[in-house]
N, C-alpha and C. Protein backbone atom coordinates (compact mmCIF):
# COMPACT_ATOMS: atom_id res chain seq x y z
N MET A 1 -106.54 -34.07 -155.05
CA MET A 1 -107.99 -34.23 -155.08
C MET A 1 -108.53 -33.28 -154.02
N GLN A 2 -109.61 -32.62 -154.38
CA GLN A 2 -110.20 -31.54 -153.56
C GLN A 2 -111.71 -31.89 -153.35
N LEU A 3 -112.07 -31.75 -152.21
CA LEU A 3 -113.54 -31.87 -151.96
C LEU A 3 -114.11 -30.64 -151.31
N TYR A 4 -115.00 -30.08 -152.15
CA TYR A 4 -115.73 -28.81 -151.78
C TYR A 4 -116.88 -29.28 -150.83
N HIS A 5 -116.79 -28.78 -149.57
CA HIS A 5 -117.50 -29.21 -148.46
C HIS A 5 -118.13 -28.12 -147.69
N MET A 6 -119.40 -28.28 -147.15
CA MET A 6 -119.95 -27.28 -146.29
C MET A 6 -120.33 -27.87 -144.96
N ARG A 7 -120.09 -27.27 -143.87
CA ARG A 7 -120.48 -27.76 -142.77
C ARG A 7 -121.82 -28.22 -142.47
N GLY A 8 -122.19 -29.48 -142.00
CA GLY A 8 -123.37 -29.89 -141.85
C GLY A 8 -124.02 -30.57 -142.94
N ALA A 9 -123.34 -30.48 -144.14
CA ALA A 9 -123.92 -30.97 -145.41
C ALA A 9 -123.74 -32.55 -145.67
N CYS A 10 -124.21 -33.13 -146.57
CA CYS A 10 -124.12 -34.46 -146.90
C CYS A 10 -122.72 -34.75 -147.43
N SER A 11 -121.94 -33.83 -147.71
CA SER A 11 -120.46 -34.03 -148.25
C SER A 11 -119.61 -34.46 -146.98
N LEU A 12 -120.22 -34.56 -145.80
CA LEU A 12 -119.50 -35.22 -144.74
C LEU A 12 -119.28 -36.72 -144.98
N ALA A 13 -120.14 -37.29 -145.65
CA ALA A 13 -119.93 -38.79 -146.15
C ALA A 13 -118.92 -39.01 -146.93
N ASP A 14 -118.60 -38.11 -147.79
CA ASP A 14 -117.42 -38.13 -148.76
C ASP A 14 -116.12 -38.04 -147.92
N LEU A 15 -116.18 -37.02 -147.05
CA LEU A 15 -114.96 -36.82 -146.16
C LEU A 15 -114.65 -38.10 -145.39
N ILE A 16 -115.58 -38.80 -144.76
CA ILE A 16 -115.39 -39.87 -143.95
C ILE A 16 -114.83 -41.01 -145.01
N VAL A 17 -115.27 -41.21 -146.18
CA VAL A 17 -114.82 -42.27 -147.11
C VAL A 17 -113.41 -41.85 -147.38
N LEU A 18 -113.07 -40.75 -147.67
CA LEU A 18 -111.66 -40.28 -148.01
C LEU A 18 -110.71 -40.71 -146.80
N GLY A 19 -111.32 -40.52 -145.50
CA GLY A 19 -110.46 -41.03 -144.38
C GLY A 19 -110.39 -42.49 -144.31
N TRP A 20 -111.47 -43.15 -144.54
CA TRP A 20 -111.31 -44.63 -144.60
C TRP A 20 -110.24 -45.08 -145.58
N LEU A 21 -110.19 -44.47 -146.68
CA LEU A 21 -109.37 -44.96 -147.86
C LEU A 21 -108.02 -44.48 -147.68
N GLY A 22 -107.81 -43.38 -146.77
CA GLY A 22 -106.46 -42.87 -146.64
C GLY A 22 -106.01 -42.09 -147.76
N VAL A 23 -106.90 -41.38 -148.45
CA VAL A 23 -106.60 -40.72 -149.73
C VAL A 23 -106.17 -39.36 -149.32
N PRO A 24 -105.06 -38.80 -149.84
CA PRO A 24 -104.57 -37.38 -149.62
C PRO A 24 -105.62 -36.46 -150.23
N HIS A 25 -106.04 -35.46 -149.62
CA HIS A 25 -107.11 -34.65 -150.23
C HIS A 25 -107.08 -33.19 -149.56
N GLU A 26 -107.67 -32.23 -150.21
CA GLU A 26 -107.79 -31.04 -149.64
C GLU A 26 -109.27 -30.65 -149.43
N ILE A 27 -109.54 -30.18 -148.29
CA ILE A 27 -111.02 -29.76 -148.16
C ILE A 27 -111.12 -28.20 -148.51
N VAL A 28 -111.98 -27.85 -149.33
CA VAL A 28 -112.45 -26.48 -149.69
C VAL A 28 -113.60 -26.19 -148.99
N PRO A 29 -113.54 -25.35 -148.05
CA PRO A 29 -114.74 -24.97 -147.19
C PRO A 29 -115.75 -24.05 -147.91
N MET A 30 -116.92 -24.37 -147.90
CA MET A 30 -117.94 -23.61 -148.64
C MET A 30 -118.90 -23.07 -147.65
N THR A 31 -119.63 -22.08 -148.12
CA THR A 31 -120.76 -21.40 -147.30
C THR A 31 -122.04 -21.36 -148.20
N LEU A 32 -123.09 -20.83 -147.64
CA LEU A 32 -124.27 -20.56 -148.44
C LEU A 32 -124.09 -19.62 -149.45
N ASP A 33 -123.27 -18.66 -149.21
CA ASP A 33 -122.95 -17.64 -150.12
C ASP A 33 -121.78 -18.14 -151.23
N SER A 34 -120.86 -18.74 -150.87
CA SER A 34 -119.80 -19.10 -151.80
C SER A 34 -120.38 -20.13 -152.78
N ILE A 35 -121.31 -21.02 -152.35
CA ILE A 35 -121.82 -21.96 -153.46
C ILE A 35 -122.61 -21.41 -154.43
N LYS A 36 -123.02 -20.19 -154.47
CA LYS A 36 -123.76 -19.40 -155.54
C LYS A 36 -122.80 -18.39 -156.13
N ALA A 37 -121.56 -18.35 -155.83
CA ALA A 37 -120.62 -17.32 -156.42
C ALA A 37 -120.47 -17.90 -157.88
N PRO A 38 -120.20 -16.84 -158.73
CA PRO A 38 -120.14 -17.33 -160.19
C PRO A 38 -118.85 -18.22 -160.43
N ALA A 39 -117.69 -18.01 -159.83
CA ALA A 39 -116.69 -18.97 -159.94
C ALA A 39 -117.04 -20.37 -159.58
N TYR A 40 -117.64 -20.55 -158.63
CA TYR A 40 -118.02 -21.88 -158.04
C TYR A 40 -119.13 -22.50 -159.11
N LEU A 41 -119.99 -21.66 -159.55
CA LEU A 41 -121.11 -22.15 -160.40
C LEU A 41 -120.45 -22.60 -161.80
N LYS A 42 -119.44 -22.06 -162.09
CA LYS A 42 -118.68 -22.56 -163.40
C LYS A 42 -118.32 -24.09 -163.24
N LEU A 43 -117.95 -24.35 -161.94
CA LEU A 43 -117.54 -25.75 -161.62
C LEU A 43 -118.72 -26.76 -161.45
N ASN A 44 -119.68 -26.06 -160.71
CA ASN A 44 -120.78 -26.87 -160.24
C ASN A 44 -122.03 -25.97 -160.56
N PRO A 45 -122.81 -25.99 -161.66
CA PRO A 45 -123.90 -25.22 -161.93
C PRO A 45 -125.14 -25.52 -160.96
N GLY A 46 -125.06 -26.53 -160.39
CA GLY A 46 -126.12 -26.90 -159.27
C GLY A 46 -125.96 -25.98 -158.00
N GLY A 47 -124.83 -25.46 -157.87
CA GLY A 47 -124.69 -24.40 -156.72
C GLY A 47 -124.91 -25.10 -155.37
N ASN A 48 -124.29 -26.38 -155.24
CA ASN A 48 -124.43 -27.00 -153.93
C ASN A 48 -123.22 -27.76 -153.65
N VAL A 49 -123.13 -28.61 -152.67
CA VAL A 49 -121.98 -29.50 -152.32
C VAL A 49 -122.65 -30.85 -152.27
N PRO A 50 -121.80 -31.99 -152.39
CA PRO A 50 -120.39 -31.87 -152.60
C PRO A 50 -120.00 -31.70 -154.15
N LEU A 51 -118.70 -31.36 -154.26
CA LEU A 51 -118.04 -31.26 -155.43
C LEU A 51 -116.70 -31.97 -155.32
N LEU A 52 -116.29 -32.91 -156.07
CA LEU A 52 -115.03 -33.59 -155.98
C LEU A 52 -114.14 -33.11 -157.24
N VAL A 53 -113.00 -32.65 -157.17
CA VAL A 53 -112.25 -32.29 -158.29
C VAL A 53 -111.01 -33.22 -158.12
N HIS A 54 -110.75 -33.90 -159.13
CA HIS A 54 -109.74 -34.92 -159.25
C HIS A 54 -109.11 -34.83 -160.65
N GLY A 55 -108.02 -34.17 -160.77
CA GLY A 55 -107.28 -34.03 -162.02
C GLY A 55 -108.25 -33.09 -162.83
N ASP A 56 -108.66 -33.44 -163.96
CA ASP A 56 -109.45 -32.71 -164.86
C ASP A 56 -110.99 -33.01 -164.76
N LEU A 57 -111.30 -33.82 -163.75
CA LEU A 57 -112.68 -34.29 -163.51
C LEU A 57 -113.22 -33.46 -162.30
N ALA A 58 -114.43 -32.85 -162.55
CA ALA A 58 -115.20 -32.01 -161.59
C ALA A 58 -116.39 -32.88 -161.45
N LEU A 59 -116.62 -33.66 -160.36
CA LEU A 59 -117.72 -34.56 -160.19
C LEU A 59 -118.63 -34.01 -159.10
N THR A 60 -119.96 -34.08 -159.38
CA THR A 60 -121.01 -33.60 -158.58
C THR A 60 -121.84 -34.84 -158.28
N GLU A 61 -122.83 -34.64 -157.27
CA GLU A 61 -123.77 -35.59 -156.87
C GLU A 61 -123.06 -36.73 -155.93
N ASN A 62 -123.63 -36.71 -154.71
CA ASN A 62 -123.08 -37.52 -153.74
C ASN A 62 -122.90 -38.95 -154.04
N VAL A 63 -123.93 -39.58 -154.62
CA VAL A 63 -123.92 -40.95 -154.99
C VAL A 63 -122.87 -41.30 -155.93
N ALA A 64 -122.62 -40.35 -157.10
CA ALA A 64 -121.57 -40.53 -157.95
C ALA A 64 -120.10 -40.38 -157.42
N ILE A 65 -120.10 -39.45 -156.54
CA ILE A 65 -118.66 -39.34 -155.84
C ILE A 65 -118.33 -40.44 -154.94
N LEU A 66 -119.27 -41.04 -154.16
CA LEU A 66 -118.97 -41.94 -153.29
C LEU A 66 -118.73 -43.33 -154.15
N GLY A 67 -119.43 -43.46 -155.10
CA GLY A 67 -119.14 -44.58 -156.00
C GLY A 67 -117.68 -44.49 -156.79
N TYR A 68 -117.39 -43.33 -157.08
CA TYR A 68 -116.16 -43.06 -157.75
C TYR A 68 -115.05 -43.31 -156.81
N LEU A 69 -115.13 -42.94 -155.63
CA LEU A 69 -114.06 -43.23 -154.68
C LEU A 69 -113.85 -44.56 -154.25
N ALA A 70 -115.02 -45.26 -154.20
CA ALA A 70 -114.88 -46.73 -153.90
C ALA A 70 -114.28 -47.40 -155.13
N ASP A 71 -114.64 -47.02 -156.34
CA ASP A 71 -114.09 -47.69 -157.49
C ASP A 71 -112.51 -47.47 -157.78
N LEU A 72 -112.18 -46.30 -157.15
CA LEU A 72 -110.60 -45.99 -157.39
C LEU A 72 -109.91 -46.86 -156.43
N HIS A 73 -110.51 -47.45 -155.30
CA HIS A 73 -109.81 -48.33 -154.35
C HIS A 73 -110.56 -49.55 -154.15
N PRO A 74 -110.81 -50.40 -155.11
CA PRO A 74 -111.58 -51.63 -155.04
C PRO A 74 -111.17 -52.50 -153.96
N HIS A 75 -109.95 -52.53 -153.55
CA HIS A 75 -109.43 -53.34 -152.58
C HIS A 75 -110.13 -53.25 -151.13
N ALA A 76 -110.59 -52.07 -150.93
CA ALA A 76 -111.34 -51.58 -149.65
C ALA A 76 -112.68 -52.23 -149.67
N GLN A 77 -113.23 -52.65 -150.76
CA GLN A 77 -114.57 -53.12 -150.85
C GLN A 77 -115.62 -52.27 -150.27
N LEU A 78 -115.59 -51.09 -150.45
CA LEU A 78 -116.59 -50.22 -149.83
C LEU A 78 -117.80 -50.09 -150.96
N ALA A 79 -117.78 -50.73 -152.02
CA ALA A 79 -118.88 -50.85 -152.97
C ALA A 79 -119.39 -52.23 -152.96
N GLY A 80 -119.16 -52.92 -151.95
CA GLY A 80 -119.58 -54.41 -152.13
C GLY A 80 -118.22 -55.51 -152.02
N ASP A 81 -118.56 -56.61 -152.14
CA ASP A 81 -117.64 -57.70 -152.12
C ASP A 81 -116.93 -57.96 -153.45
N GLY A 82 -117.29 -57.17 -154.45
CA GLY A 82 -116.79 -57.57 -155.80
C GLY A 82 -117.83 -58.16 -156.67
N SER A 83 -118.82 -58.71 -156.08
CA SER A 83 -119.90 -59.42 -156.81
C SER A 83 -120.84 -58.37 -157.38
N PRO A 84 -121.68 -58.70 -158.47
CA PRO A 84 -122.87 -57.72 -158.83
C PRO A 84 -123.76 -57.60 -157.70
N ARG A 85 -123.96 -58.74 -157.08
CA ARG A 85 -125.05 -58.63 -155.98
C ARG A 85 -124.57 -57.85 -154.92
N GLY A 86 -123.31 -57.85 -154.43
CA GLY A 86 -122.67 -57.00 -153.34
C GLY A 86 -122.96 -55.75 -153.77
N ARG A 87 -122.51 -55.27 -154.91
CA ARG A 87 -122.56 -53.86 -155.39
C ARG A 87 -124.00 -53.33 -155.48
N ALA A 88 -124.87 -54.20 -155.87
CA ALA A 88 -126.47 -53.88 -155.93
C ALA A 88 -126.94 -53.59 -154.52
N GLU A 89 -126.49 -54.39 -153.66
CA GLU A 89 -126.93 -54.17 -152.28
C GLU A 89 -126.41 -52.87 -151.75
N VAL A 90 -125.09 -52.46 -151.90
CA VAL A 90 -124.68 -51.09 -151.49
C VAL A 90 -125.37 -50.09 -152.21
N MET A 91 -125.62 -50.12 -153.61
CA MET A 91 -126.31 -49.12 -154.24
C MET A 91 -127.79 -48.95 -153.96
N ARG A 92 -128.32 -50.12 -153.55
CA ARG A 92 -129.78 -49.94 -153.03
C ARG A 92 -129.98 -49.17 -151.85
N TRP A 93 -129.14 -49.31 -150.81
CA TRP A 93 -129.28 -48.53 -149.70
C TRP A 93 -128.77 -47.16 -149.91
N LEU A 94 -127.66 -46.81 -150.70
CA LEU A 94 -127.34 -45.71 -151.01
C LEU A 94 -128.27 -44.92 -151.85
N ALA A 95 -128.97 -45.48 -152.75
CA ALA A 95 -130.05 -44.81 -153.62
C ALA A 95 -131.22 -44.47 -152.48
N PHE A 96 -131.60 -45.23 -151.60
CA PHE A 96 -132.67 -45.05 -150.70
C PHE A 96 -132.32 -43.96 -149.76
N LEU A 97 -131.05 -43.73 -149.28
CA LEU A 97 -130.74 -42.70 -148.33
C LEU A 97 -130.66 -41.30 -149.16
N ASN A 98 -130.20 -41.35 -150.50
CA ASN A 98 -130.01 -40.20 -151.35
C ASN A 98 -131.35 -39.72 -151.83
N SER A 99 -132.19 -40.71 -152.32
CA SER A 99 -133.39 -40.27 -153.04
C SER A 99 -134.57 -40.16 -152.14
N ASP A 100 -134.62 -40.88 -151.09
CA ASP A 100 -135.88 -40.92 -150.10
C ASP A 100 -135.51 -40.16 -148.82
N VAL A 101 -134.56 -40.65 -148.13
CA VAL A 101 -134.38 -40.07 -146.87
C VAL A 101 -133.88 -38.68 -146.97
N HIS A 102 -132.88 -38.41 -147.72
CA HIS A 102 -132.43 -37.12 -147.79
C HIS A 102 -133.41 -36.18 -148.21
N LYS A 103 -134.29 -36.52 -149.37
CA LYS A 103 -135.43 -35.62 -149.87
C LYS A 103 -136.25 -35.36 -148.76
N ALA A 104 -136.61 -36.12 -147.76
CA ALA A 104 -137.53 -36.04 -146.82
C ALA A 104 -137.27 -34.91 -145.84
N PHE A 105 -135.98 -34.53 -145.78
CA PHE A 105 -135.40 -33.56 -144.82
C PHE A 105 -135.75 -32.19 -145.37
N LYS A 106 -135.93 -31.94 -146.60
CA LYS A 106 -136.01 -30.71 -147.34
C LYS A 106 -136.97 -29.76 -146.84
N PRO A 107 -138.03 -30.23 -146.48
CA PRO A 107 -138.95 -29.28 -145.72
C PRO A 107 -138.50 -28.76 -144.46
N LEU A 108 -137.66 -29.46 -143.72
CA LEU A 108 -136.94 -29.18 -142.49
C LEU A 108 -135.85 -28.11 -142.67
N PHE A 109 -135.26 -28.12 -143.86
CA PHE A 109 -134.11 -27.32 -144.07
C PHE A 109 -134.54 -26.02 -144.76
N ALA A 110 -135.45 -26.16 -145.67
CA ALA A 110 -135.92 -24.89 -146.48
C ALA A 110 -137.38 -24.91 -146.68
N PRO A 111 -138.18 -24.55 -145.54
CA PRO A 111 -139.73 -24.65 -145.77
C PRO A 111 -140.21 -23.56 -146.78
N GLU A 112 -139.38 -22.47 -146.96
CA GLU A 112 -139.77 -21.55 -147.78
C GLU A 112 -139.91 -21.98 -149.37
N ARG A 113 -139.33 -23.14 -149.57
CA ARG A 113 -139.32 -23.65 -150.93
C ARG A 113 -140.79 -24.38 -151.13
N PHE A 114 -141.46 -24.53 -150.08
CA PHE A 114 -142.67 -25.36 -150.19
C PHE A 114 -143.94 -24.51 -149.82
N LEU A 115 -143.75 -23.43 -149.09
CA LEU A 115 -144.66 -22.53 -148.63
C LEU A 115 -144.43 -21.12 -148.92
N ASP A 116 -145.41 -20.29 -149.51
CA ASP A 116 -145.44 -19.01 -149.70
C ASP A 116 -145.40 -18.04 -148.33
N GLY A 117 -146.25 -18.58 -147.43
CA GLY A 117 -146.31 -17.87 -146.19
C GLY A 117 -145.60 -18.82 -145.14
N ARG A 118 -145.35 -18.19 -143.97
CA ARG A 118 -144.75 -18.98 -142.90
C ARG A 118 -145.60 -19.40 -141.80
N ASP A 119 -146.94 -19.15 -142.01
CA ASP A 119 -147.85 -19.71 -140.97
C ASP A 119 -147.96 -21.18 -140.79
N LEU A 120 -147.68 -21.97 -141.97
CA LEU A 120 -147.76 -23.44 -141.89
C LEU A 120 -146.38 -24.11 -141.74
N ASP A 121 -145.47 -23.38 -141.32
CA ASP A 121 -144.05 -24.02 -141.20
C ASP A 121 -143.92 -25.10 -140.29
N GLU A 122 -144.73 -24.99 -139.08
CA GLU A 122 -144.57 -26.11 -138.07
C GLU A 122 -145.34 -27.25 -138.49
N GLN A 123 -146.47 -27.17 -139.25
CA GLN A 123 -147.22 -28.18 -139.76
C GLN A 123 -146.45 -29.00 -140.82
N LEU A 124 -145.76 -28.32 -141.59
CA LEU A 124 -144.87 -28.85 -142.52
C LEU A 124 -143.81 -29.59 -141.97
N ALA A 125 -143.19 -29.02 -141.01
CA ALA A 125 -141.98 -29.69 -140.20
C ALA A 125 -142.55 -30.92 -139.53
N ALA A 126 -143.66 -30.78 -138.85
CA ALA A 126 -144.04 -32.10 -138.20
C ALA A 126 -144.39 -33.22 -139.22
N ASN A 127 -144.98 -32.88 -140.38
CA ASN A 127 -145.21 -33.91 -141.31
C ASN A 127 -143.78 -34.52 -141.85
N ALA A 128 -142.95 -33.57 -142.03
CA ALA A 128 -141.58 -34.07 -142.41
C ALA A 128 -140.87 -34.95 -141.50
N ARG A 129 -141.06 -34.53 -140.25
CA ARG A 129 -140.42 -35.39 -139.23
C ARG A 129 -141.00 -36.86 -139.23
N ARG A 130 -142.39 -36.81 -139.42
CA ARG A 130 -143.05 -38.19 -139.30
C ARG A 130 -142.58 -39.03 -140.58
N HIS A 131 -142.32 -38.28 -141.80
CA HIS A 131 -141.85 -39.17 -142.93
C HIS A 131 -140.45 -39.63 -142.66
N VAL A 132 -139.54 -38.77 -142.04
CA VAL A 132 -138.26 -39.12 -141.68
C VAL A 132 -138.22 -40.43 -140.79
N ARG A 133 -139.12 -40.17 -139.81
CA ARG A 133 -139.14 -41.29 -138.70
C ARG A 133 -139.54 -42.55 -139.42
N ALA A 134 -140.56 -42.66 -140.26
CA ALA A 134 -140.93 -43.81 -140.95
C ALA A 134 -139.67 -44.53 -141.78
N TYR A 135 -138.83 -43.61 -142.41
CA TYR A 135 -137.73 -44.07 -143.00
C TYR A 135 -136.69 -44.59 -142.11
N LEU A 136 -136.39 -44.08 -141.05
CA LEU A 136 -135.46 -44.47 -140.02
C LEU A 136 -135.91 -45.75 -139.31
N GLU A 137 -137.25 -46.03 -139.22
CA GLU A 137 -137.69 -47.33 -138.72
C GLU A 137 -137.19 -48.37 -139.68
N ARG A 138 -137.38 -48.21 -141.00
CA ARG A 138 -137.00 -49.16 -141.90
C ARG A 138 -135.42 -49.40 -141.78
N LEU A 139 -134.71 -48.42 -141.55
CA LEU A 139 -133.26 -48.48 -141.58
C LEU A 139 -132.84 -49.23 -140.17
N ASP A 140 -133.57 -48.98 -139.14
CA ASP A 140 -133.35 -49.57 -137.81
C ASP A 140 -133.62 -51.06 -138.03
N GLY A 141 -134.68 -51.37 -138.65
CA GLY A 141 -134.84 -52.87 -138.91
C GLY A 141 -133.65 -53.45 -139.66
N ALA A 142 -133.30 -52.84 -140.66
CA ALA A 142 -132.10 -53.36 -141.60
C ALA A 142 -130.86 -53.66 -140.68
N LEU A 143 -130.76 -52.88 -139.66
CA LEU A 143 -129.60 -52.91 -138.79
C LEU A 143 -129.69 -53.89 -137.57
N ALA A 144 -130.95 -54.54 -137.51
CA ALA A 144 -131.30 -55.13 -136.24
C ALA A 144 -130.27 -56.32 -135.80
N ASP A 145 -129.71 -56.83 -136.82
CA ASP A 145 -128.78 -58.12 -136.70
C ASP A 145 -127.41 -57.97 -137.38
N ARG A 146 -127.04 -56.80 -137.60
CA ARG A 146 -125.68 -56.44 -138.32
C ARG A 146 -125.23 -55.09 -137.90
N ASP A 147 -123.93 -54.90 -138.10
CA ASP A 147 -123.20 -53.60 -137.70
C ASP A 147 -123.30 -52.61 -138.80
N TRP A 148 -123.47 -53.11 -139.96
CA TRP A 148 -123.52 -52.26 -141.34
C TRP A 148 -124.62 -52.58 -142.21
N LEU A 149 -125.02 -51.56 -142.96
CA LEU A 149 -126.21 -51.67 -143.73
C LEU A 149 -126.26 -53.07 -144.54
N THR A 150 -125.08 -53.37 -145.22
CA THR A 150 -125.08 -54.53 -146.17
C THR A 150 -124.49 -55.64 -145.51
N GLY A 151 -124.08 -55.49 -144.12
CA GLY A 151 -123.44 -56.64 -143.49
C GLY A 151 -121.95 -56.46 -143.43
N GLN A 152 -121.37 -55.58 -144.39
CA GLN A 152 -120.06 -55.13 -144.29
C GLN A 152 -120.01 -53.62 -144.40
N ARG A 153 -118.93 -52.93 -144.02
CA ARG A 153 -118.86 -51.51 -144.11
C ARG A 153 -118.78 -51.13 -145.62
N SER A 154 -119.59 -49.95 -146.01
CA SER A 154 -119.60 -49.59 -147.31
C SER A 154 -119.83 -48.08 -147.45
N ILE A 155 -119.89 -47.56 -148.62
CA ILE A 155 -120.15 -46.11 -148.90
C ILE A 155 -121.45 -45.75 -148.53
N ALA A 156 -122.33 -46.67 -148.29
CA ALA A 156 -123.80 -46.16 -147.80
C ALA A 156 -123.68 -45.79 -146.27
N ASP A 157 -122.88 -46.36 -145.47
CA ASP A 157 -122.74 -46.26 -143.97
C ASP A 157 -122.61 -44.71 -143.50
N PRO A 158 -121.52 -44.03 -144.09
CA PRO A 158 -121.33 -42.66 -143.81
C PRO A 158 -122.55 -41.79 -144.15
N TYR A 159 -123.31 -42.07 -145.18
CA TYR A 159 -124.41 -41.31 -145.64
C TYR A 159 -125.50 -41.48 -144.54
N LEU A 160 -125.74 -42.80 -144.11
CA LEU A 160 -126.63 -43.02 -142.96
C LEU A 160 -126.31 -42.16 -141.77
N TYR A 161 -124.97 -42.26 -141.47
CA TYR A 161 -124.43 -41.45 -140.24
C TYR A 161 -124.85 -39.92 -140.42
N VAL A 162 -124.84 -39.37 -141.50
CA VAL A 162 -125.10 -37.93 -141.84
C VAL A 162 -126.53 -37.68 -141.62
N VAL A 163 -127.41 -38.56 -142.14
CA VAL A 163 -128.69 -38.24 -141.92
C VAL A 163 -129.32 -38.55 -140.46
N LEU A 164 -128.62 -39.52 -139.74
CA LEU A 164 -128.92 -39.59 -138.32
C LEU A 164 -128.56 -38.22 -137.63
N ARG A 165 -127.42 -37.65 -137.94
CA ARG A 165 -127.00 -36.35 -137.36
C ARG A 165 -128.05 -35.23 -137.65
N TRP A 166 -128.52 -35.36 -138.89
CA TRP A 166 -129.55 -34.36 -139.18
C TRP A 166 -130.86 -34.65 -138.49
N ALA A 167 -131.30 -35.87 -138.36
CA ALA A 167 -132.41 -36.26 -137.72
C ALA A 167 -132.46 -35.73 -136.24
N GLN A 168 -131.36 -35.94 -135.53
CA GLN A 168 -131.10 -35.46 -134.12
C GLN A 168 -131.16 -33.90 -134.11
N ALA A 169 -130.54 -33.22 -135.03
CA ALA A 169 -130.45 -31.79 -134.94
C ALA A 169 -131.89 -31.15 -135.33
N LYS A 170 -132.70 -31.88 -136.11
CA LYS A 170 -133.99 -31.38 -136.41
C LYS A 170 -135.17 -31.98 -135.52
N GLY A 171 -134.91 -32.65 -134.57
CA GLY A 171 -135.97 -32.98 -133.47
C GLY A 171 -136.70 -34.15 -134.04
N VAL A 172 -136.31 -34.99 -134.73
CA VAL A 172 -136.99 -36.18 -135.28
C VAL A 172 -137.11 -37.23 -133.96
N ASP A 173 -138.14 -37.80 -133.73
CA ASP A 173 -138.33 -38.59 -132.69
C ASP A 173 -137.33 -39.91 -133.01
N MET A 174 -136.41 -40.05 -132.08
CA MET A 174 -135.46 -41.20 -132.32
C MET A 174 -135.69 -42.42 -131.32
N SER A 175 -136.76 -42.22 -130.52
CA SER A 175 -136.96 -43.16 -129.46
C SER A 175 -137.17 -44.64 -129.99
N GLY A 176 -136.58 -45.53 -129.30
CA GLY A 176 -136.95 -46.89 -129.80
C GLY A 176 -135.99 -47.45 -130.87
N LEU A 177 -135.19 -46.60 -131.54
CA LEU A 177 -134.45 -46.83 -132.63
C LEU A 177 -132.97 -47.40 -132.20
N HIS A 178 -132.96 -48.48 -131.46
CA HIS A 178 -131.82 -48.90 -130.78
C HIS A 178 -130.78 -49.48 -131.65
N ALA A 179 -131.10 -50.08 -132.68
CA ALA A 179 -129.94 -50.46 -133.68
C ALA A 179 -129.45 -49.10 -134.27
N LEU A 180 -130.12 -48.05 -134.59
CA LEU A 180 -129.67 -46.96 -135.15
C LEU A 180 -128.78 -46.20 -134.18
N ALA A 181 -129.17 -46.22 -132.97
CA ALA A 181 -128.35 -45.53 -131.92
C ALA A 181 -127.04 -46.15 -131.65
N ALA A 182 -127.07 -47.56 -131.86
CA ALA A 182 -125.83 -48.30 -131.54
C ALA A 182 -124.90 -48.04 -132.83
N PHE A 183 -125.49 -48.02 -134.09
CA PHE A 183 -124.74 -47.68 -135.23
C PHE A 183 -124.06 -46.25 -135.06
N SER A 184 -124.85 -45.36 -134.73
CA SER A 184 -124.37 -43.85 -134.55
C SER A 184 -123.26 -43.85 -133.54
N GLU A 185 -123.25 -44.67 -132.46
CA GLU A 185 -122.39 -44.63 -131.60
C GLU A 185 -120.99 -45.19 -132.05
N ARG A 186 -121.15 -46.42 -132.85
CA ARG A 186 -119.98 -46.94 -133.39
C ARG A 186 -119.29 -46.14 -134.44
N MET A 187 -120.06 -45.33 -135.28
CA MET A 187 -119.45 -44.41 -136.08
C MET A 187 -118.88 -43.32 -135.49
N SER A 188 -119.44 -42.81 -134.31
CA SER A 188 -118.81 -41.66 -133.72
C SER A 188 -117.40 -42.06 -133.17
N ARG A 189 -117.27 -43.39 -132.78
CA ARG A 189 -115.96 -43.68 -132.31
C ARG A 189 -115.03 -43.94 -133.42
N ASP A 190 -115.32 -44.08 -134.54
CA ASP A 190 -114.43 -44.36 -135.71
C ASP A 190 -113.41 -43.13 -135.87
N PRO A 191 -112.06 -43.46 -135.98
CA PRO A 191 -111.09 -42.37 -136.10
C PRO A 191 -111.30 -41.62 -137.28
N ALA A 192 -111.74 -42.13 -138.42
CA ALA A 192 -111.79 -41.34 -139.56
C ALA A 192 -113.05 -40.45 -139.55
N VAL A 193 -114.13 -40.94 -138.89
CA VAL A 193 -115.26 -40.02 -138.49
C VAL A 193 -114.85 -38.88 -137.62
N ARG A 194 -114.12 -39.16 -136.56
CA ARG A 194 -113.62 -38.05 -135.61
C ARG A 194 -112.85 -37.11 -136.32
N ASP A 195 -111.98 -37.57 -137.36
CA ASP A 195 -111.09 -36.67 -138.18
C ASP A 195 -111.77 -35.88 -139.01
N ALA A 196 -112.98 -36.35 -139.53
CA ALA A 196 -113.70 -35.71 -140.48
C ALA A 196 -114.45 -34.60 -139.66
N LEU A 197 -115.09 -34.86 -138.64
CA LEU A 197 -115.85 -33.92 -137.82
C LEU A 197 -114.87 -32.88 -137.25
N ARG A 198 -113.68 -33.16 -136.96
CA ARG A 198 -112.66 -32.11 -136.57
C ARG A 198 -112.32 -31.11 -137.69
N ALA A 199 -112.19 -31.80 -138.97
CA ALA A 199 -111.84 -30.90 -140.13
C ALA A 199 -113.04 -30.07 -140.45
N GLU A 200 -114.27 -30.48 -140.21
CA GLU A 200 -115.59 -29.74 -140.42
C GLU A 200 -115.45 -28.56 -139.41
N GLU A 201 -115.10 -28.80 -138.12
CA GLU A 201 -115.20 -27.78 -137.15
C GLU A 201 -114.24 -26.72 -137.56
N ALA A 202 -112.92 -27.17 -138.07
CA ALA A 202 -111.91 -26.21 -138.39
C ALA A 202 -112.28 -25.25 -139.61
């Protein structure tokens, strides 16, 4: 199994889940240049990460990859407790993180995609930070009385950890988000998370 991963990207969530599951894997490090190379575009026409290669399967899209890994190892219950409701709860938070929260960071990562000139970059960034902060407040509320988004560890939690790292790096106001701060600290102490971050640095 190979995971195509770029430092700082959302593929860190997949790397953490692979560690939680104890799945042997190879990390294929990618860069902004290599994800646009013709050989890679044949595997992943989207020209991004993550990409998971497992046998003859080349799987893109983080939600699909996280779900696939969880389904390969149902005993770990990373996609819920085995009930339809449990899985729906995990997928609800995973979809929110992927479709809403992740998307809200795009003006911070690539303002040139939204503006022709650069004179409004800071206004765009300030608006994006406010949107991200609003989403984080919702997530903080969800964690007010629990350690994990659904009450038990799931594939949604590493994705949340990734966006919290982005928020800190991009200057989003994190004041008062005590549940998220505690969650981030717990995740940072997790052995699989530490291993994933060390692998990323390497």
